[in-house]
PDB file of N, CA and C in Angstrom:
ATOM      1  N   UNK A   1     -98.418  75.867 -13.219  1.00  0.00           N
ATOM      2  CA  UNK A   1     -96.975  75.817 -12.927  1.00  0.00           C
ATOM      3  C   UNK A   1     -96.579  76.559 -11.769  1.00  0.00           C
ATOM      4  N   UNK A   2     -97.210  77.757 -11.784  1.00  0.00           N
ATOM      5  CA  UNK A   2     -96.786  78.621 -10.414  1.00  0.00           C
ATOM      6  C   UNK A   2     -97.445  77.899  -9.254  1.00  0.00           C
ATOM      7  N   UNK A   3     -98.494  77.346  -9.217  1.00  0.00           N
ATOM      8  CA  UNK A   3     -99.128  76.734  -8.033  1.00  0.00           C
ATOM      9  C   UNK A   3     -98.223  75.487  -7.578  1.00  0.00           C
ATOM     10  N   UNK A   4     -97.618  74.709  -8.533  1.00  0.00           N
ATOM     11  CA  UNK A   4     -96.917  73.452  -8.151  1.00  0.00           C
ATOM     12  C   UNK A   4     -95.614  74.236  -7.638  1.00  0.00           C
ATOM     13  N   UNK A   5     -94.964  75.073  -8.125  1.00  0.00           N
ATOM     14  CA  UNK A   5     -93.804  75.753  -7.476  1.00  0.00           C
ATOM     15  C   UNK A   5     -94.007  76.244  -6.216  1.00  0.00           C
ATOM     16  N   UNK A   6     -95.038  76.944  -5.888  1.00  0.00           N
ATOM     17  CA  UNK A   6     -95.418  77.595  -4.652  1.00  0.00           C
ATOM     18  C   UNK A   6     -95.658  76.489  -3.579  1.00  0.00           C
ATOM     19  N   UNK A   7     -96.389  75.351  -3.944  1.00  0.00           N
ATOM     20  CA  UNK A   7     -96.582  74.248  -2.906  1.00  0.00           C
ATOM     21  C   UNK A   7     -95.264  73.561  -2.611  1.00  0.00           C
ATOM     22  N   UNK A   8     -94.476  73.522  -3.592  1.00  0.00           N
ATOM     23  CA  UNK A   8     -93.047  72.787  -3.379  1.00  0.00           C
ATOM     24  C   UNK A   8     -92.298  73.656  -2.543  1.00  0.00           C
ATOM     25  N   UNK A   9     -92.248  75.056  -2.731  1.00  0.00           N
ATOM     26  CA  UNK A   9     -91.470  75.911  -1.793  1.00  0.00           C
ATOM     27  C   UNK A   9     -92.140  75.853  -0.400  1.00  0.00           C
ATOM     28  N   UNK A  10     -93.443  75.840  -0.365  1.00  0.00           N
ATOM     29  CA  UNK A  10     -94.099  75.951   1.047  1.00  0.00           C
ATOM     30  C   UNK A  10     -93.866  74.648   1.742  1.00  0.00           C
ATOM     31  N   UNK A  11     -93.928  73.346   1.055  1.00  0.00           N
ATOM     32  CA  UNK A  11     -93.492  72.072   1.627  1.00  0.00           C
ATOM     33  C   UNK A  11     -92.040  72.264   2.291  1.00  0.00           C
ATOM     34  N   UNK A  12     -91.090  72.581   1.346  1.00  0.00           N
ATOM     35  CA  UNK A  12     -89.788  72.701   1.837  1.00  0.00           C
ATOM     36  C   UNK A  12     -89.503  73.622   3.005  1.00  0.00           C
ATOM     37  N   UNK A  13     -90.404  74.767   3.029  1.00  0.00           N
ATOM     38  CA  UNK A  13     -90.268  75.688   4.045  1.00  0.00           C
ATOM     39  C   UNK A  13     -90.782  74.958   5.497  1.00  0.00           C
ATOM     40  N   UNK A  14     -91.793  74.417   5.240  1.00  0.00           N
ATOM     41  CA  UNK A  14     -92.457  73.752   6.666  1.00  0.00           C
ATOM     42  C   UNK A  14     -91.408  72.504   6.945  1.00  0.00           C
ATOM     43  N   UNK A  15     -91.018  71.760   6.163  1.00  0.00           N
ATOM     44  CA  UNK A  15     -90.236  70.502   6.483  1.00  0.00           C
ATOM     45  C   UNK A  15     -88.874  71.194   7.188  1.00  0.00           C
ATOM     46  N   UNK A  16     -88.239  72.306   6.661  1.00  0.00           N
ATOM     47  CA  UNK A  16     -87.251  72.765   7.231  1.00  0.00           C
ATOM     48  C   UNK A  16     -87.359  73.350   8.757  1.00  0.00           C
ATOM     49  N   UNK A  17     -88.442  73.720   8.793  1.00  0.00           N
ATOM     50  CA  UNK A  17     -88.955  74.562  10.176  1.00  0.00           C
ATOM     51  C   UNK A  17     -89.220  73.403  11.263  1.00  0.00           C
ATOM     52  N   UNK A  18     -89.696  72.234  10.810  1.00  0.00           N
ATOM     53  CA  UNK A  18     -90.043  71.270  11.795  1.00  0.00           C
ATOM     54  C   UNK A  18     -89.008  69.925  11.943  1.00  0.00           C
ATOM     55  N   UNK A  19     -88.024  69.949  10.952  1.00  0.00           N
ATOM     56  CA  UNK A  19     -87.153  68.747  10.828  1.00  0.00           C
ATOM     57  C   UNK A  19     -86.208  68.818  12.168  1.00  0.00           C
ATOM     58  N   UNK A  20     -85.764  69.756  12.706  1.00  0.00           N
ATOM     59  CA  UNK A  20     -84.773  69.670  14.010  1.00  0.00           C
ATOM     60  C   UNK A  20     -85.616  69.025  15.155  1.00  0.00           C
ATOM     61  N   UNK A  21     -86.960  69.132  15.030  1.00  0.00           N
ATOM     62  CA  UNK A  21     -87.724  68.673  16.119  1.00  0.00           C
ATOM     63  C   UNK A  21     -88.238  66.960  15.746  1.00  0.00           C
ATOM     64  N   UNK A  22     -88.082  66.690  14.543  1.00  0.00           N
ATOM     65  CA  UNK A  22     -88.334  65.322  14.322  1.00  0.00           C
ATOM     66  C   UNK A  22     -87.250  64.262  14.459  1.00  0.00           C
ATOM     67  N   UNK A  23     -85.825  64.992  14.399  1.00  0.00           N
ATOM     68  CA  UNK A  23     -84.845  64.122  14.441  1.00  0.00           C
ATOM     69  C   UNK A  23     -84.484  63.809  15.943  1.00  0.00           C
ATOM     70  N   UNK A  24     -84.337  62.455  16.232  1.00  0.00           N
ATOM     71  CA  UNK A  24     -84.104  61.965  17.364  1.00  0.00           C
ATOM     72  C   UNK A  24     -82.613  62.367  18.001  1.00  0.00           C
ATOM     73  N   UNK A  25     -82.314  62.440  19.222  1.00  0.00           N
ATOM     74  CA  UNK A  25     -81.143  62.930  19.599  1.00  0.00           C
ATOM     75  C   UNK A  25     -80.040  61.591  19.232  1.00  0.00           C
ATOM     76  N   UNK A  26     -79.079  61.810  18.655  1.00  0.00           N
ATOM     77  CA  UNK A  26     -78.148  60.759  18.418  1.00  0.00           C
ATOM     78  C   UNK A  26     -77.545  60.259  19.408  1.00  0.00           C
ATOM     79  N   UNK A  27     -77.815  59.121  20.159  1.00  0.00           N
ATOM     80  CA  UNK A  27     -77.188  58.659  21.195  1.00  0.00           C
ATOM     81  C   UNK A  27     -76.245  57.461  20.807  1.00  0.00           C
ATOM     82  N   UNK A  28     -74.974  57.618  21.537  1.00  0.00           N
ATOM     83  CA  UNK A  28     -74.068  56.510  21.377  1.00  0.00           C
ATOM     84  C   UNK A  28     -74.440  55.367  22.252  1.00  0.00           C
ATOM     85  N   UNK A  29     -74.512  54.251  21.604  1.00  0.00           N
ATOM     86  CA  UNK A  29     -74.686  53.121  22.661  1.00  0.00           C
ATOM     87  C   UNK A  29     -73.897  51.818  22.030  1.00  0.00           C
ATOM     88  N   UNK A  30     -72.983  51.197  22.827  1.00  0.00           N
ATOM     89  CA  UNK A  30     -72.172  50.264  22.402  1.00  0.00           C
ATOM     90  C   UNK A  30     -72.809  48.954  23.046  1.00  0.00           C
ATOM     91  N   UNK A  31     -72.533  48.008  22.257  1.00  0.00           N
ATOM     92  CA  UNK A  31     -72.772  46.569  22.564  1.00  0.00           C
ATOM     93  C   UNK A  31     -71.774  45.763  22.508  1.00  0.00           C
ATOM     94  N   UNK A  32     -71.822  44.800  23.609  1.00  0.00           N
ATOM     95  CA  UNK A  32     -70.597  43.813  23.731  1.00  0.00           C
ATOM     96  C   UNK A  32     -71.316  42.560  24.190  1.00  0.00           C
ATOM     97  N   UNK A  33     -70.684  41.424  23.595  1.00  0.00           N
ATOM     98  CA  UNK A  33     -71.118  40.233  24.159  1.00  0.00           C
ATOM     99  C   UNK A  33     -70.054  39.608  25.139  1.00  0.00           C
ATOM    100  N   UNK A  34     -70.377  39.348  26.441  1.00  0.00           N
ATOM    101  CA  UNK A  34     -69.480  38.858  27.256  1.00  0.00           C
ATOM    102  C   UNK A  34     -69.659  37.402  27.592  1.00  0.00           C
ATOM    103  N   UNK A  35     -68.945  36.453  27.201  1.00  0.00           N
ATOM    104  CA  UNK A  35     -68.983  35.113  27.561  1.00  0.00           C
ATOM    105  C   UNK A  35     -68.280  34.535  28.591  1.00  0.00           C
ATOM    106  N   UNK A  36     -68.810  34.471  29.720  1.00  0.00           N
ATOM    107  CA  UNK A  36     -68.176  33.808  31.022  1.00  0.00           C
ATOM    108  C   UNK A  36     -67.926  32.405  31.058  1.00  0.00           C
ATOM    109  N   UNK A  37     -66.844  31.911  31.337  1.00  0.00           N
ATOM    110  CA  UNK A  37     -66.764  30.298  31.354  1.00  0.00           C
ATOM    111  C   UNK A  37     -66.573  29.982  32.910  1.00  0.00           C
ATOM    112  N   UNK A  38     -66.330  31.106  33.631  1.00  0.00           N
ATOM    113  CA  UNK A  38     -66.452  30.600  35.189  1.00  0.00           C
ATOM    114  C   UNK A  38     -67.390  31.499  35.724  1.00  0.00           C
ATOM    115  N   UNK A  39     -67.698  31.456  37.170  1.00  0.00           N
ATOM    116  CA  UNK A  39     -68.463  32.476  37.988  1.00  0.00           C
ATOM    117  C   UNK A  39     -67.534  33.776  38.141  1.00  0.00           C
ATOM    118  N   UNK A  40     -68.216  34.801  37.953  1.00  0.00           N
ATOM    119  CA  UNK A  40     -67.570  36.204  38.106  1.00  0.00           C
ATOM    120  C   UNK A  40     -68.450  36.994  39.054  1.00  0.00           C
ATOM    121  N   UNK A  41     -67.839  38.222  39.284  1.00  0.00           N
ATOM    122  CA  UNK A  41     -68.549  39.112  40.098  1.00  0.00           C
ATOM    123  C   UNK A  41     -68.542  40.568  39.307  1.00  0.00           C
ATOM    124  N   UNK A  42     -69.752  41.241  39.397  1.00  0.00           N
ATOM    125  CA  UNK A  42     -69.544  42.414  38.652  1.00  0.00           C
ATOM    126  C   UNK A  42     -70.555  43.525  39.603  1.00  0.00           C
ATOM    127  N   UNK A  43     -69.992  44.588  40.132  1.00  0.00           N
ATOM    128  CA  UNK A  43     -70.710  45.478  40.732  1.00  0.00           C
ATOM    129  C   UNK A  43     -71.357  44.768  42.053  1.00  0.00           C
ATOM    130  N   UNK A  44     -70.588  43.860  42.660  1.00  0.00           N
ATOM    131  CA  UNK A  44     -71.138  43.322  43.792  1.00  0.00           C
ATOM    132  C   UNK A  44     -72.089  42.091  43.570  1.00  0.00           C
ATOM    133  N   UNK A  45     -72.503  41.766  42.251  1.00  0.00           N
ATOM    134  CA  UNK A  45     -73.369  40.807  41.921  1.00  0.00           C
ATOM    135  C   UNK A  45     -72.728  39.498  41.285  1.00  0.00           C
ATOM    136  N   UNK A  46     -72.799  38.409  41.824  1.00  0.00           N
ATOM    137  CA  UNK A  46     -72.316  37.078  41.203  1.00  0.00           C
ATOM    138  C   UNK A  46     -73.042  36.756  39.983  1.00  0.00           C
ATOM    139  N   UNK A  47     -72.218  36.390  38.959  1.00  0.00           N
ATOM    140  CA  UNK A  47     -72.640  36.184  37.679  1.00  0.00           C
ATOM    141  C   UNK A  47     -72.363  34.689  37.429  1.00  0.00           C
ATOM    142  N   UNK A  48     -73.289  33.939  37.056  1.00  0.00           N
ATOM    143  CA  UNK A  48     -73.036  32.512  36.685  1.00  0.00           C
ATOM    144  C   UNK A  48     -72.294  32.389  35.293  1.00  0.00           C
ATOM    145  N   UNK A  49     -71.788  31.303  34.878  1.00  0.00           N
ATOM    146  CA  UNK A  49     -71.164  31.224  33.540  1.00  0.00           C
ATOM    147  C   UNK A  49     -72.373  31.330  32.576  1.00  0.00           C
ATOM    148  N   UNK A  50     -72.040  31.916  31.478  1.00  0.00           N
ATOM    149  CA  UNK A  50     -73.029  32.040  30.299  1.00  0.00           C
ATOM    150  C   UNK A  50     -72.652  33.256  29.435  1.00  0.00           C
ATOM    151  N   UNK A  51     -73.563  33.436  28.492  1.00  0.00           N
ATOM    152  CA  UNK A  51     -73.411  34.542  27.620  1.00  0.00           C
ATOM    153  C   UNK A  51     -74.212  35.848  28.142  1.00  0.00           C
ATOM    154  N   UNK A  52     -73.648  36.762  28.209  1.00  0.00           N
ATOM    155  CA  UNK A  52     -74.258  38.208  28.559  1.00  0.00           C
ATOM    156  C   UNK A  52     -74.021  39.215  27.582  1.00  0.00           C
ATOM    157  N   UNK A  53     -75.048  40.203  27.516  1.00  0.00           N
ATOM    158  CA  UNK A  53     -74.830  41.238  26.502  1.00  0.00           C
ATOM    159  C   UNK A  53     -74.713  42.603  27.543  1.00  0.00           C
ATOM    160  N   UNK A  54     -73.409  43.177  27.106  1.00  0.00           N
ATOM    161  CA  UNK A  54     -73.308  44.575  27.903  1.00  0.00           C
ATOM    162  C   UNK A  54     -73.494  45.767  26.934  1.00  0.00           C
ATOM    163  N   UNK A  55     -74.369  46.628  27.484  1.00  0.00           N
ATOM    164  CA  UNK A  55     -74.647  47.702  26.714  1.00  0.00           C
ATOM    165  C   UNK A  55     -74.316  48.975  27.440  1.00  0.00           C
ATOM    166  N   UNK A  56     -73.656  49.911  26.804  1.00  0.00           N
ATOM    167  CA  UNK A  56     -73.048  51.006  27.504  1.00  0.00           C
ATOM    168  C   UNK A  56     -73.752  52.300  26.779  1.00  0.00           C
ATOM    169  N   UNK A  57     -74.352  53.066  27.531  1.00  0.00           N
ATOM    170  CA  UNK A  57     -75.073  54.201  27.003  1.00  0.00           C
ATOM    171  C   UNK A  57     -74.175  55.358  27.091  1.00  0.00           C
ATOM    172  N   UNK A  58     -74.567  56.560  26.466  1.00  0.00           N
ATOM    173  CA  UNK A  58     -73.707  57.680  26.238  1.00  0.00           C
ATOM    174  C   UNK A  58     -73.576  58.464  27.791  1.00  0.00           C
ATOM    175  N   UNK A  59     -74.506  58.075  28.634  1.00  0.00           N
ATOM    176  CA  UNK A  59     -74.532  58.827  29.954  1.00  0.00           C
ATOM    177  C   UNK A  59     -73.831  57.908  30.803  1.00  0.00           C
ATOM    178  N   UNK A  60     -72.928  56.740  30.549  1.00  0.00           N
ATOM    179  CA  UNK A  60     -72.091  55.989  31.394  1.00  0.00           C
ATOM    180  C   UNK A  60     -72.923  54.931  32.279  1.00  0.00           C
ATOM    181  N   UNK A  61     -74.096  54.515  31.850  1.00  0.00           N
ATOM    182  CA  UNK A  61     -74.729  53.426  32.434  1.00  0.00           C
ATOM    183  C   UNK A  61     -74.469  52.303  31.586  1.00  0.00           C
ATOM    184  N   UNK A  62     -73.919  51.219  32.385  1.00  0.00           N
ATOM    185  CA  UNK A  62     -73.861  49.955  31.911  1.00  0.00           C
ATOM    186  C   UNK A  62     -74.762  48.917  32.170  1.00  0.00           C
ATOM    187  N   UNK A  63     -75.461  48.389  31.129  1.00  0.00           N
ATOM    188  CA  UNK A  63     -76.597  47.422  31.681  1.00  0.00           C
ATOM    189  C   UNK A  63     -76.157  45.994  31.007  1.00  0.00           C
ATOM    190  N   UNK A  64     -76.152  45.005  31.820  1.00  0.00           N
ATOM    191  CA  UNK A  64     -75.747  43.631  31.647  1.00  0.00           C
ATOM    192  C   UNK A  64     -77.298  42.814  31.607  1.00  0.00           C
ATOM    193  N   UNK A  65     -77.341  42.110  30.431  1.00  0.00           N
ATOM    194  CA  UNK A  65     -78.637  41.289  30.179  1.00  0.00           C
ATOM    195  C   UNK A  65     -78.084  39.924  30.000  1.00  0.00           C
ATOM    196  N   UNK A  66     -78.973  39.152  30.168  1.00  0.00           N
ATOM    197  CA  UNK A  66     -78.738  37.523  29.911  1.00  0.00           C
ATOM    198  C   UNK A  66     -80.137  37.179  29.352  1.00  0.00           C
ATOM    199  N   UNK A  67     -80.194  36.488  28.088  1.00  0.00           N
ATOM    200  CA  UNK A  67     -81.366  36.251  27.462  1.00  0.00           C
ATOM    201  C   UNK A  67     -82.545  37.284  27.469  1.00  0.00           C
ATOM    202  N   UNK A  68     -81.976  38.604  27.238  1.00  0.00           N
ATOM    203  CA  UNK A  68     -82.901  39.648  27.093  1.00  0.00           C
ATOM    204  C   UNK A  68     -83.564  40.032  28.518  1.00  0.00           C
ATOM    205  N   UNK A  69     -82.863  39.546  29.565  1.00  0.00           N
ATOM    206  CA  UNK A  69     -83.365  39.945  30.930  1.00  0.00           C
ATOM    207  C   UNK A  69     -82.449  40.610  31.635  1.00  0.00           C
ATOM    208  N   UNK A  70     -82.652  41.931  32.106  1.00  0.00           N
ATOM    209  CA  UNK A  70     -81.520  42.793  32.629  1.00  0.00           C
ATOM    210  C   UNK A  70     -81.106  42.173  34.106  1.00  0.00           C
ATOM    211  N   UNK A  71     -79.867  42.009  34.005  1.00  0.00           N
ATOM    212  CA  UNK A  71     -79.199  41.333  35.158  1.00  0.00           C
ATOM    213  C   UNK A  71     -78.831  42.384  36.171  1.00  0.00           C
ATOM    214  N   UNK A  72     -78.216  43.563  35.593  1.00  0.00           N
ATOM    215  CA  UNK A  72     -77.832  44.529  36.547  1.00  0.00           C
ATOM    216  C   UNK A  72     -77.603  45.796  35.704  1.00  0.00           C
ATOM    217  N   UNK A  73     -77.693  47.010  36.349  1.00  0.00           N
ATOM    218  CA  UNK A  73     -77.425  48.460  35.819  1.00  0.00           C
ATOM    219  C   UNK A  73     -76.449  48.949  36.738  1.00  0.00           C
ATOM    220  N   UNK A  74     -75.381  49.632  36.273  1.00  0.00           N
ATOM    221  CA  UNK A  74     -74.556  50.343  37.048  1.00  0.00           C
ATOM    222  C   UNK A  74     -73.923  51.423  36.328  1.00  0.00           C
ATOM    223  N   UNK A  75     -73.566  52.338  37.252  1.00  0.00           N
ATOM    224  CA  UNK A  75     -72.851  53.536  36.657  1.00  0.00           C
ATOM    225  C   UNK A  75     -71.419  53.181  36.386  1.00  0.00           C
ATOM    226  N   UNK A  76     -70.729  53.523  35.379  1.00  0.00           N
ATOM    227  CA  UNK A  76     -69.296  53.193  35.167  1.00  0.00           C
ATOM    228  C   UNK A  76     -68.484  54.314  34.687  1.00  0.00           C
ATOM    229  N   UNK A  77     -67.198  54.199  34.985  1.00  0.00           N
ATOM    230  CA  UNK A  77     -66.374  55.513  34.467  1.00  0.00           C
ATOM    231  C   UNK A  77     -65.832  54.741  33.006  1.00  0.00           C
ATOM    232  N   UNK A  78     -66.201  55.891  32.026  1.00  0.00           N
ATOM    233  CA  UNK A  78     -65.997  55.358  30.511  1.00  0.00           C
ATOM    234  C   UNK A  78     -64.696  56.140  30.261  1.00  0.00           C
ATOM    235  N   UNK A  79     -63.688  55.478  29.748  1.00  0.00           N
ATOM    236  CA  UNK A  79     -62.410  55.784  29.374  1.00  0.00           C
ATOM    237  C   UNK A  79     -62.072  55.371  27.824  1.00  0.00           C
ATOM    238  N   UNK A  80     -61.096  56.311  27.227  1.00  0.00           N
ATOM    239  CA  UNK A  80     -60.825  55.749  25.985  1.00  0.00           C
ATOM    240  C   UNK A  80     -60.188  54.375  25.965  1.00  0.00           C
ATOM    241  N   UNK A  81     -60.173  53.518  24.813  1.00  0.00           N
ATOM    242  CA  UNK A  81     -59.847  52.309  24.913  1.00  0.00           C
ATOM    243  C   UNK A  81     -58.290  52.141  25.064  1.00  0.00           C
ATOM    244  N   UNK A  82     -57.528  52.849  24.549  1.00  0.00           N
ATOM    245  CA  UNK A  82     -56.112  52.877  24.602  1.00  0.00           C
ATOM    246  C   UNK A  82     -55.606  51.782  23.918  1.00  0.00           C
ATOM    247  N   UNK A  83     -54.558  51.117  24.403  1.00  0.00           N
ATOM    248  CA  UNK A  83     -53.846  49.896  23.361  1.00  0.00           C
ATOM    249  C   UNK A  83     -54.183  48.633  24.073  1.00  0.00           C
ATOM    250  N   UNK A  84     -55.478  48.281  24.361  1.00  0.00           N
ATOM    251  CA  UNK A  84     -55.849  46.956  24.915  1.00  0.00           C
ATOM    252  C   UNK A  84     -56.600  46.455  23.627  1.00  0.00           C
ATOM    253  N   UNK A  85     -56.961  45.074  23.927  1.00  0.00           N
ATOM    254  CA  UNK A  85     -57.782  44.543  22.785  1.00  0.00           C
ATOM    255  C   UNK A  85     -59.351  45.106  22.949  1.00  0.00           C
ATOM    256  N   UNK A  86     -59.888  45.576  21.704  1.00  0.00           N
ATOM    257  CA  UNK A  86     -61.171  46.030  21.887  1.00  0.00           C
ATOM    258  C   UNK A  86     -61.992  44.562  21.954  1.00  0.00           C
ATOM    259  N   UNK A  87     -63.391  44.745  22.481  1.00  0.00           N
ATOM    260  CA  UNK A  87     -64.465  43.614  22.405  1.00  0.00           C
ATOM    261  C   UNK A  87     -63.913  42.589  23.333  1.00  0.00           C
ATOM    262  N   UNK A  88     -63.251  42.891  24.498  1.00  0.00           N
ATOM    263  CA  UNK A  88     -62.776  41.814  25.545  1.00  0.00           C
ATOM    264  C   UNK A  88     -63.405  42.424  27.007  1.00  0.00           C
ATOM    265  N   UNK A  89     -62.974  41.895  27.919  1.00  0.00           N
ATOM    266  CA  UNK A  89     -63.074  42.152  29.375  1.00  0.00           C
ATOM    267  C   UNK A  89     -61.743  41.591  30.199  1.00  0.00           C
ATOM    268  N   UNK A  90     -61.615  42.287  31.281  1.00  0.00           N
ATOM    269  CA  UNK A  90     -60.571  42.178  32.131  1.00  0.00           C
ATOM    270  C   UNK A  90     -61.217  41.646  33.392  1.00  0.00           C
ATOM    271  N   UNK A  91     -60.514  40.327  33.907  1.00  0.00           N
ATOM    272  CA  UNK A  91     -61.143  40.070  35.237  1.00  0.00           C
ATOM    273  C   UNK A  91     -59.910  39.765  36.377  1.00  0.00           C
ATOM    274  N   UNK A  92     -60.021  40.108  37.261  1.00  0.00           N
ATOM    275  CA  UNK A  92     -58.986  39.900  38.351  1.00  0.00           C
ATOM    276  C   UNK A  92     -58.830  38.743  38.978  1.00  0.00           C
ATOM    277  N   UNK A  93     -57.837  38.507  39.648  1.00  0.00           N
ATOM    278  CA  UNK A  93     -57.533  37.027  40.090  1.00  0.00           C
ATOM    279  C   UNK A  93     -58.649  36.469  41.130  1.00  0.00           C
ATOM    280  N   UNK A  94     -59.366  37.405  41.800  1.00  0.00           N
ATOM    281  CA  UNK A  94     -60.570  37.017  42.549  1.00  0.00           C
ATOM    282  C   UNK A  94     -62.041  36.793  41.858  1.00  0.00           C
ATOM    283  N   UNK A  95     -61.851  37.081  40.542  1.00  0.00           N
ATOM    284  CA  UNK A  95     -63.038  36.590  39.726  1.00  0.00           C
ATOM    285  C   UNK A  95     -63.979  37.925  39.565  1.00  0.00           C
ATOM    286  N   UNK A  96     -63.411  38.918  40.012  1.00  0.00           N
ATOM    287  CA  UNK A  96     -64.064  40.470  39.857  1.00  0.00           C
ATOM    288  C   UNK A  96     -63.846  41.058  38.358  1.00  0.00           C
ATOM    289  N   UNK A  97     -64.865  41.160  37.799  1.00  0.00           N
ATOM    290  CA  UNK A  97     -64.769  42.034  36.336  1.00  0.00           C
ATOM    291  C   UNK A  97     -64.314  43.421  36.614  1.00  0.00           C
ATOM    292  N   UNK A  98     -63.094  43.712  36.098  1.00  0.00           N
ATOM    293  CA  UNK A  98     -62.669  45.155  36.353  1.00  0.00           C
ATOM    294  C   UNK A  98     -62.926  46.173  35.185  1.00  0.00           C
ATOM    295  N   UNK A  99     -63.081  45.638  34.025  1.00  0.00           N
ATOM    296  CA  UNK A  99     -63.491  46.501  32.918  1.00  0.00           C
ATOM    297  C   UNK A  99     -64.007  45.683  31.716  1.00  0.00           C
ATOM    298  N   UNK A 100     -64.932  46.280  31.052  1.00  0.00           N
ATOM    299  CA  UNK A 100     -65.370  45.599  29.901  1.00  0.00           C
ATOM    300  C   UNK A 100     -64.874  46.652  28.737  1.00  0.00           C
ATOM    301  N   UNK A 101     -64.354  46.021  27.600  1.00  0.00           N
ATOM    302  CA  UNK A 101     -63.956  46.888  26.559  1.00  0.00           C
ATOM    303  C   UNK A 101     -64.664  46.874  25.303  1.00  0.00           C
ATOM    304  N   UNK A 102     -65.178  47.892  24.863  1.00  0.00           N
ATOM    305  CA  UNK A 102     -66.045  48.056  23.780  1.00  0.00           C
ATOM    306  C   UNK A 102     -65.137  48.155  22.496  1.00  0.00           C
ATOM    307  N   UNK A 103     -65.683  48.806  21.357  1.00  0.00           N
ATOM    308  CA  UNK A 103     -64.973  48.986  20.087  1.00  0.00           C
ATOM    309  C   UNK A 103     -63.931  50.060  20.351  1.00  0.00           C
ATOM    310  N   UNK A 104     -64.437  51.246  20.904  1.00  0.00           N
ATOM    311  CA  UNK A 104     -63.542  52.417  20.957  1.00  0.00           C
ATOM    312  C   UNK A 104     -63.448  52.958  22.487  1.00  0.00           C
ATOM    313  N   UNK A 105     -64.137  52.377  23.453  1.00  0.00           N
ATOM    314  CA  UNK A 105     -64.069  52.791  24.937  1.00  0.00           C
ATOM    315  C   UNK A 105     -64.016  51.657  25.754  1.00  0.00           C
ATOM    316  N   UNK A 106     -63.705  51.843  26.916  1.00  0.00           N
ATOM    317  CA  UNK A 106     -63.897  50.631  27.947  1.00  0.00           C
ATOM    318  C   UNK A 106     -64.751  51.359  29.046  1.00  0.00           C
ATOM    319  N   UNK A 107     -65.377  50.449  29.719  1.00  0.00           N
ATOM    320  CA  UNK A 107     -66.182  50.784  30.839  1.00  0.00           C
ATOM    321  C   UNK A 107     -65.330  50.355  32.056  1.00  0.00           C
ATOM    322  N   UNK A 108     -64.909  51.273  32.983  1.00  0.00           N
ATOM    323  CA  UNK A 108     -64.080  50.586  34.234  1.00  0.00           C
ATOM    324  C   UNK A 108     -64.890  50.807  35.428  1.00  0.00           C
ATOM    325  N   UNK A 109     -64.870  49.569  36.195  1.00  0.00           N
ATOM    326  CA  UNK A 109     -65.571  49.626  37.505  1.00  0.00           C
ATOM    327  C   UNK A 109     -64.809  50.073  38.551  1.00  0.00           C
ATOM    328  N   UNK A 110     -65.128  51.132  39.121  1.00  0.00           N
ATOM    329  CA  UNK A 110     -64.109  51.560  40.275  1.00  0.00           C
ATOM    330  C   UNK A 110     -64.287  50.979  41.612  1.00  0.00           C
ATOM    331  N   UNK A 111     -65.408  51.034  42.233  1.00  0.00           N
ATOM    332  CA  UNK A 111     -65.762  50.345  43.447  1.00  0.00           C
ATOM    333  C   UNK A 111     -66.759  49.118  43.344  1.00  0.00           C
ATOM    334  N   UNK A 112     -65.937  48.030  42.988  1.00  0.00           N
ATOM    335  CA  UNK A 112     -66.575  46.793  42.618  1.00  0.00           C
ATOM    336  C   UNK A 112     -67.665  46.251  43.383  1.00  0.00           C
ATOM    337  N   UNK A 113     -67.516  46.404  44.801  1.00  0.00           N
ATOM    338  CA  UNK A 113     -68.479  45.862  45.629  1.00  0.00           C
ATOM    339  C   UNK A 113     -69.601  46.791  46.136  1.00  0.00           C
ATOM    340  N   UNK A 114     -69.523  48.034  45.694  1.00  0.00           N
ATOM    341  CA  UNK A 114     -70.580  49.103  45.931  1.00  0.00           C
ATOM    342  C   UNK A 114     -71.259  49.855  44.801  1.00  0.00           C
ATOM    343  N   UNK A 115     -70.571  49.584  43.563  1.00  0.00           N
ATOM    344  CA  UNK A 115     -71.196  50.211  42.434  1.00  0.00           C
ATOM    345  C   UNK A 115     -72.386  49.549  41.814  1.00  0.00           C
ATOM    346  N   UNK A 116     -73.348  50.103  41.505  1.00  0.00           N
ATOM    347  CA  UNK A 116     -74.292  49.462  40.788  1.00  0.00           C
ATOM    348  C   UNK A 116     -75.493  49.129  41.731  1.00  0.00           C
ATOM    349  N   UNK A 117     -76.612  48.434  40.789  1.00  0.00           N
ATOM    350  CA  UNK A 117     -77.647  47.904  41.508  1.00  0.00           C
ATOM    351  C   UNK A 117     -78.050  46.786  40.853  1.00  0.00           C
ATOM    352  N   UNK A 118     -78.441  45.519  41.355  1.00  0.00           N
ATOM    353  CA  UNK A 118     -78.851  44.494  40.686  1.00  0.00           C
ATOM    354  C   UNK A 118     -80.302  44.695  40.163  1.00  0.00           C
ATOM    355  N   UNK A 119     -80.599  44.186  39.183  1.00  0.00           N
ATOM    356  CA  UNK A 119     -81.908  44.215  38.556  1.00  0.00           C
ATOM    357  C   UNK A 119     -83.000  43.142  39.266  1.00  0.00           C
ATOM    358  N   UNK A 120     -84.182  43.454  39.336  1.00  0.00           N
ATOM    359  CA  UNK A 120     -84.860  42.473  40.165  1.00  0.00           C
ATOM    360  C   UNK A 120     -86.004  41.985  39.183  1.00  0.00           C
TER     361      UNK A 120
END
């Protein structure tokens, strides 16, 4: 009985010592589906109509993919959502996407023609 108790205690001690290293960093990552009906421009790249997946990482990098192929990655200014509709996007009159809105935050594109890089 004493051996079982000691081995259980030893196991708990070892797990408590190494558990902080085993837990991965909790990264927030937001996902949004953008369905373009017309041609649009984002970070200087012309996007054809279709369905895109926008992923916003916790370090402010927005990745736009179409059919699991990365179309572009760009640094964005992440702001609180405010009083706008979540899970939407805003496009200017010239067809430039100005912001993509996620559930709690929005990605705002400051320099549309110079921000980001197209994936090849």
